[in-house]
Amino acid sequence: MKVTIDHNICDASLNSCEHCFSFFIQHPEGVDRYCIIEQVEDGSDKMTLTMLTDGRELTLVLDDKDREMVASEGWASLVDFVPKFYRGG
């Protein structure tokens, strides 16, 4: 599955965003969030996740183990910068 999430269009605080993201990453089919701007089933066992956030574009490829980890630790644990706690939508 290929997913593009634009965190810039949501003004939720980082902890709210992480909670929402955790639910999505565990249940990618059947979760409709307006920050998800594209979701395409590509037949892959891995999830290709493109995130637009804080003026950056990041692409991560997550296997099942990575998805479990990010569901508990949050997407911010996967990036090499400190995301803003508050963002303007």
Protein backbone atom coordinates (compact mmCIF):
# COMPACT_ATOMS: atom_id res chain seq x y z
CA MET A 1 0.00 0.00 0.00
CA LYS A 2 1.18 3.51 -0.80
CA VAL A 3 -0.02 6.30 1.44
CA THR A 4 0.63 10.04 1.36
CA ILE A 5 -0.10 12.04 4.50
CA ASP A 6 0.05 15.82 4.60
CA HIS A 7 0.51 16.78 8.25
CA ASN A 8 0.64 20.43 7.24
CA ILE A 9 -3.13 20.59 6.65
CA CYS A 10 -3.96 19.56 10.22
CA ASP A 11 -3.45 21.83 13.20
CA ALA A 12 -3.54 19.05 15.81
CA SER A 13 -0.75 19.04 18.36
CA LEU A 14 1.96 16.44 17.85
CA ASN A 15 0.65 14.11 20.57
CA SER A 16 -2.85 14.15 19.02
CA CYS A 17 -1.32 13.56 15.61
CA GLU A 18 0.71 10.62 16.92
CA HIS A 19 -2.40 9.06 18.48
CA CYS A 20 -4.38 9.45 15.25
CA PHE A 21 -1.46 8.10 13.21
CA SER A 22 -1.10 5.09 15.52
CA PHE A 23 -4.71 4.11 14.93
CA PHE A 24 -4.31 4.55 11.18
CA ILE A 25 -1.09 2.52 10.97
CA GLN A 26 -2.82 -0.38 12.75
CA HIS A 27 -5.99 -0.13 10.63
CA PRO A 28 -5.02 1.46 7.30
CA GLU A 29 -8.13 0.25 5.54
CA GLY A 30 -11.25 1.78 6.97
CA VAL A 31 -9.67 4.88 8.48
CA ASP A 32 -10.55 8.13 6.76
CA ARG A 33 -8.51 11.15 7.84
CA TYR A 34 -8.41 14.36 5.87
CA CYS A 35 -4.61 14.49 6.19
CA ILE A 36 -4.45 11.30 4.09
CA ILE A 37 -4.34 12.80 0.64
CA GLU A 38 -3.63 9.58 -1.28
CA GLN A 39 -4.01 5.88 -0.52
CA VAL A 40 -3.33 3.30 -3.23
CA GLU A 41 -3.28 -0.48 -2.87
CA ASP A 42 -0.20 -1.68 -4.74
CA GLY A 43 -0.23 -5.35 -3.72
CA SER A 44 2.92 -5.03 -1.62
CA ASP A 45 3.29 -6.51 1.87
CA LYS A 46 5.05 -3.29 2.86
CA MET A 47 3.58 0.17 3.33
CA THR A 48 5.25 3.00 1.46
CA LEU A 49 4.47 6.08 3.51
CA THR A 50 5.16 9.56 2.19
CA MET A 51 4.74 12.28 4.80
CA LEU A 52 4.65 15.99 4.17
CA THR A 53 5.42 17.78 7.41
CA ASP A 54 7.26 20.86 8.64
CA GLY A 55 8.30 21.81 5.10
CA ARG A 56 9.77 18.36 4.44
CA GLU A 57 8.84 15.34 2.36
CA LEU A 58 9.82 11.99 3.83
CA THR A 59 9.28 8.56 2.31
CA LEU A 60 9.48 5.49 4.54
CA VAL A 61 8.96 1.85 3.64
CA LEU A 62 7.47 -0.05 6.58
CA ASP A 63 7.24 -3.80 6.99
CA ASP A 64 4.95 -5.34 9.64
CA LYS A 65 7.61 -5.07 12.35
CA ASP A 66 8.22 -1.39 11.54
CA ARG A 67 4.48 -0.72 11.60
CA GLU A 68 4.17 -2.29 15.06
CA MET A 69 7.04 -0.16 16.32
CA VAL A 70 5.71 3.07 14.88
CA ALA A 71 2.23 2.33 16.23
CA SER A 72 3.64 2.32 19.75
CA GLU A 73 6.48 4.85 19.44
CA GLY A 74 4.93 7.28 16.93
CA TRP A 75 5.97 8.53 13.51
CA ALA A 76 8.30 11.14 15.03
CA SER A 77 10.56 8.27 16.14
CA LEU A 78 11.30 7.52 12.48
CA VAL A 79 12.44 10.97 11.37
CA ASP A 80 15.82 12.64 11.70
CA PHE A 81 14.49 15.98 12.96
CA VAL A 82 12.35 17.21 15.84
CA PRO A 83 8.84 17.93 14.50
CA LYS A 84 6.97 20.99 15.68
CA PHE A 85 4.70 20.29 18.63
CA TYR A 86 2.10 22.73 17.29
CA ARG A 87 1.54 23.46 13.61
CA GLY A 88 -0.76 25.85 11.88
CA GLY A 89 -3.30 24.25 9.56
